[in-house]
Amino acid sequence: IKMIGGTTFYNAVAYSESAEYGYKYAEILENIVIPEGVREIGQSAFEGCLSLKSITLNKDLVRIHNSAFNLLVSSKIARATVNLEDCTKLEYIGNYAFQGCAGIETLELPASVTSIGEYAFAYTQAQNKFLETAAKATEEKDRYWIHGDLLLLAYVADGQTAIHIPDGVKIIAGGAFCGWDSVDIPADTSNLLPSGVSKY
């Protein structure tokens, strides 16, 4: 297998659609192991699989498309963990690719990544920890979530009208400067979620 196509294991039931529009057992998938040789994971391939606990990726992956593992559905998220550190060929991570994979506590990206879409890691513990710290930061340099030469996200304070890109940044992720000054950051990062969003 070289590619897992779009919506292959899509959970239609999570979106109140008839089950036959998605993968029959998507509701009970708990662990995913992407086998060696797979280079691409298509759009929404595992979207809505809210029972996921772990996602194991391989070293051959090059592209992870939009919403491939989007687990934020109707104000519910999953506790899925994922490690990208060993994906040394990975170049592209699409919009919302890992949104709602709340079990991602830290983010280690390989140097091979050259493009990250908007909200790729929204509603993860890693992003919430950054936002909580950045909201209290007194220096602008501490309001940037940077990994290597990638700027993943910035906390733009209310009233801040200028942004200075830190030295060494070569790639700015999609949505990096979207109005985070208005985000209600939970005091308890284990909660992860703004009001109205619940753990699945």
Protein backbone atom coordinates (compact mmCIF):
# COMPACT_ATOMS: atom_id res chain seq x y z
CA ILE A 1 0.00 0.00 0.00
CA LYS A 2 1.39 3.38 -1.03
CA MET A 3 -1.59 5.60 -0.29
CA ILE A 4 -4.66 5.59 1.94
CA GLY A 5 -7.29 7.50 -0.02
CA GLY A 6 -9.59 10.24 1.13
CA THR A 7 -12.51 9.25 3.43
CA THR A 8 -11.38 5.59 3.45
CA PHE A 9 -12.14 5.19 7.17
CA TYR A 10 -14.35 8.27 7.53
CA ASN A 11 -16.87 8.15 10.39
CA ALA A 12 -20.16 9.22 8.82
CA VAL A 13 -22.12 8.47 12.01
CA ALA A 14 -20.16 11.14 13.91
CA TYR A 15 -21.59 13.69 11.49
CA SER A 16 -25.14 12.34 11.80
CA GLU A 17 -24.94 10.78 8.35
CA SER A 18 -26.04 7.31 7.44
CA ALA A 19 -23.38 4.70 8.32
CA GLU A 20 -23.01 3.43 4.75
CA TYR A 21 -21.46 6.77 3.73
CA GLY A 22 -18.39 5.94 5.79
CA TYR A 23 -16.39 3.01 7.13
CA LYS A 24 -18.64 0.53 8.92
CA TYR A 25 -16.47 0.19 12.04
CA ALA A 26 -15.16 3.76 12.26
CA GLU A 27 -17.01 4.29 15.55
CA ILE A 28 -14.93 1.65 17.35
CA LEU A 29 -11.45 2.19 15.88
CA GLU A 30 -9.09 2.67 18.83
CA ASN A 31 -5.58 2.23 17.43
CA ILE A 32 -4.21 2.86 13.96
CA VAL A 33 -0.85 1.66 12.68
CA ILE A 34 0.05 3.01 9.24
CA PRO A 35 2.19 0.33 7.58
CA GLU A 36 5.59 0.95 6.04
CA GLY A 37 5.44 1.97 2.41
CA VAL A 38 2.44 4.27 2.78
CA ARG A 39 3.52 7.69 1.48
CA GLU A 40 0.23 9.60 1.56
CA ILE A 41 -2.84 9.72 3.77
CA GLY A 42 -5.74 11.28 1.90
CA GLN A 43 -8.19 13.97 2.89
CA SER A 44 -10.50 12.97 5.77
CA ALA A 45 -9.11 9.41 5.67
CA PHE A 46 -9.78 8.89 9.40
CA GLU A 47 -11.91 11.94 10.11
CA GLY A 48 -14.39 11.60 12.94
CA CYS A 49 -12.93 8.38 14.39
CA LEU A 50 -13.62 9.61 17.91
CA SER A 51 -12.64 6.42 19.72
CA LEU A 52 -9.01 6.71 18.60
CA LYS A 53 -6.44 6.41 21.36
CA SER A 54 -3.23 6.15 19.34
CA ILE A 55 -2.02 6.79 15.81
CA THR A 56 1.27 5.18 14.78
CA LEU A 57 2.78 6.65 11.64
CA ASN A 58 5.58 5.25 9.50
CA LYS A 59 8.94 6.61 8.35
CA ASP A 60 7.87 6.64 4.68
CA LEU A 61 5.08 9.22 4.97
CA VAL A 62 5.48 12.26 2.73
CA ARG A 63 2.03 13.89 2.76
CA ILE A 64 -0.82 14.00 5.29
CA HIS A 65 -3.75 15.74 3.64
CA ASN A 66 -6.50 18.02 5.01
CA SER A 67 -8.50 16.64 7.95
CA ALA A 68 -6.80 13.24 7.67
CA PHE A 69 -7.12 12.73 11.45
CA ASN A 70 -9.54 15.54 12.27
CA LEU A 71 -11.12 14.46 15.53
CA LEU A 72 -13.00 17.62 16.48
CA VAL A 73 -16.60 16.77 15.67
CA SER A 74 -19.71 18.54 16.94
CA SER A 75 -17.90 19.83 20.04
CA LYS A 76 -16.30 16.45 20.83
CA ILE A 77 -12.62 15.49 20.64
CA ALA A 78 -10.64 12.26 21.04
CA ARG A 79 -7.69 11.48 23.30
CA ALA A 80 -5.58 10.24 20.38
CA THR A 81 -1.80 10.44 20.69
CA VAL A 82 0.56 10.62 17.73
CA ASN A 83 4.32 10.87 17.30
CA LEU A 84 5.65 12.56 14.16
CA GLU A 85 9.32 12.55 15.15
CA ASP A 86 10.20 9.41 13.16
CA CYS A 87 8.48 10.62 9.97
CA THR A 88 11.78 11.83 8.52
CA LYS A 89 10.42 12.15 4.95
CA LEU A 90 7.26 14.05 5.87
CA GLU A 91 6.89 17.26 3.85
CA TYR A 92 3.25 18.30 3.98
CA ILE A 93 0.66 18.45 6.78
CA GLY A 94 -2.72 19.74 5.59
CA ASN A 95 -5.39 21.95 7.16
CA TYR A 96 -6.98 20.46 10.30
CA ALA A 97 -4.83 17.32 9.84
CA PHE A 98 -4.61 16.51 13.57
CA GLN A 99 -7.24 18.86 14.97
CA GLY A 100 -8.84 17.38 18.07
CA CYS A 101 -6.11 14.78 18.68
CA ALA A 102 -6.04 15.93 22.27
CA GLY A 103 -3.47 13.37 23.40
CA ILE A 104 -0.67 15.19 21.55
CA GLU A 105 1.14 16.65 24.55
CA THR A 106 4.33 17.73 22.79
CA LEU A 107 5.11 18.26 19.15
CA GLU A 108 8.33 17.08 17.54
CA LEU A 109 8.35 17.68 13.80
CA PRO A 110 11.00 16.35 11.43
CA ALA A 111 13.17 18.88 9.60
CA SER A 112 11.72 17.61 6.30
CA VAL A 113 8.36 19.38 6.87
CA THR A 114 7.99 22.33 4.48
CA SER A 115 4.26 23.07 4.70
CA ILE A 116 1.70 23.06 7.51
CA GLY A 117 -1.93 24.04 6.96
CA GLU A 118 -4.23 26.04 9.18
CA TYR A 119 -5.35 24.64 12.53
CA ALA A 120 -3.35 21.45 11.88
CA PHE A 121 -2.82 20.94 15.64
CA ALA A 122 -5.78 22.82 17.11
CA TYR A 123 -7.36 21.35 20.26
CA THR A 124 -4.25 19.40 21.23
CA GLN A 125 -2.56 19.60 24.61
CA ALA A 126 0.60 20.89 22.92
CA GLN A 127 -1.18 23.89 21.42
CA ASN A 128 -3.14 24.66 24.56
CA LYS A 129 0.02 24.61 26.69
CA PHE A 130 1.64 27.05 24.30
CA LEU A 131 -1.37 29.39 24.36
CA GLU A 132 -1.60 29.31 28.13
CA THR A 133 2.08 30.23 28.49
CA ALA A 134 2.07 32.78 25.67
CA ALA A 135 -0.95 34.61 27.08
CA LYS A 136 1.05 35.35 30.25
CA ALA A 137 4.31 36.19 28.45
CA THR A 138 5.75 39.65 28.97
CA GLU A 139 8.16 39.49 26.03
CA GLU A 140 7.05 39.16 22.42
CA LYS A 141 9.60 36.43 21.67
CA ASP A 142 7.73 34.13 24.08
CA ARG A 143 4.51 34.51 22.12
CA TYR A 144 5.72 32.40 19.20
CA TRP A 145 5.42 28.61 18.92
CA ILE A 146 8.49 27.74 16.88
CA HIS A 147 9.86 24.34 15.96
CA GLY A 148 13.16 24.46 14.09
CA ASP A 149 12.58 26.98 11.28
CA LEU A 150 8.79 26.57 11.44
CA LEU A 151 6.53 29.16 13.05
CA LEU A 152 3.49 27.11 14.04
CA LEU A 153 1.44 29.69 15.91
CA ALA A 154 1.67 33.13 17.44
CA TYR A 155 -0.23 34.66 20.29
CA VAL A 156 -1.18 38.12 19.04
CA ALA A 157 -2.05 40.28 22.02
CA ASP A 158 -5.10 42.53 21.99
CA GLY A 159 -4.12 45.83 20.41
CA GLN A 160 -0.86 44.50 18.95
CA THR A 161 -0.55 46.11 15.51
CA ALA A 162 2.93 44.96 14.47
CA ILE A 163 4.42 41.49 14.20
CA HIS A 164 8.16 40.85 14.06
CA ILE A 165 9.02 37.46 12.60
CA PRO A 166 11.80 35.90 14.71
CA ASP A 167 15.19 35.28 13.10
CA GLY A 168 15.60 31.85 11.55
CA VAL A 169 11.93 31.34 10.65
CA LYS A 170 11.60 30.08 7.07
CA ILE A 171 8.08 28.65 7.14
CA ILE A 172 4.93 30.15 8.64
CA ALA A 173 2.14 27.65 9.18
CA GLY A 174 -1.35 28.39 7.86
CA GLY A 175 -3.46 30.38 10.30
CA ALA A 176 -0.43 31.20 12.48
CA PHE A 177 -1.67 34.74 13.23
CA CYS A 178 -5.41 34.13 13.51
CA GLY A 179 -6.82 36.21 16.42
CA TRP A 180 -5.62 34.16 19.35
CA ASP A 181 -6.01 37.13 21.68
CA SER A 182 -9.71 36.27 21.79
CA VAL A 183 -9.24 32.60 22.66
CA ASP A 184 -10.52 31.59 26.10
CA ILE A 185 -7.61 29.53 27.38
CA PRO A 186 -8.58 27.09 30.14
CA ALA A 187 -6.77 27.51 33.45
CA ASP A 188 -6.42 23.72 33.62
CA THR A 189 -4.67 22.48 30.47
CA SER A 190 -5.85 18.92 31.13
CA ASN A 191 -9.32 20.22 30.32
CA LEU A 192 -8.07 21.35 26.89
CA LEU A 193 -11.31 22.82 25.75
CA PRO A 194 -13.12 26.11 25.59
CA SER A 195 -16.65 26.14 26.91
CA GLY A 196 -19.12 24.11 24.88
CA VAL A 197 -16.59 21.50 23.77
CA SER A 198 -16.47 18.13 25.48
CA LYS A 199 -14.18 15.11 25.58
CA TYR A 200 -15.56 12.07 23.78
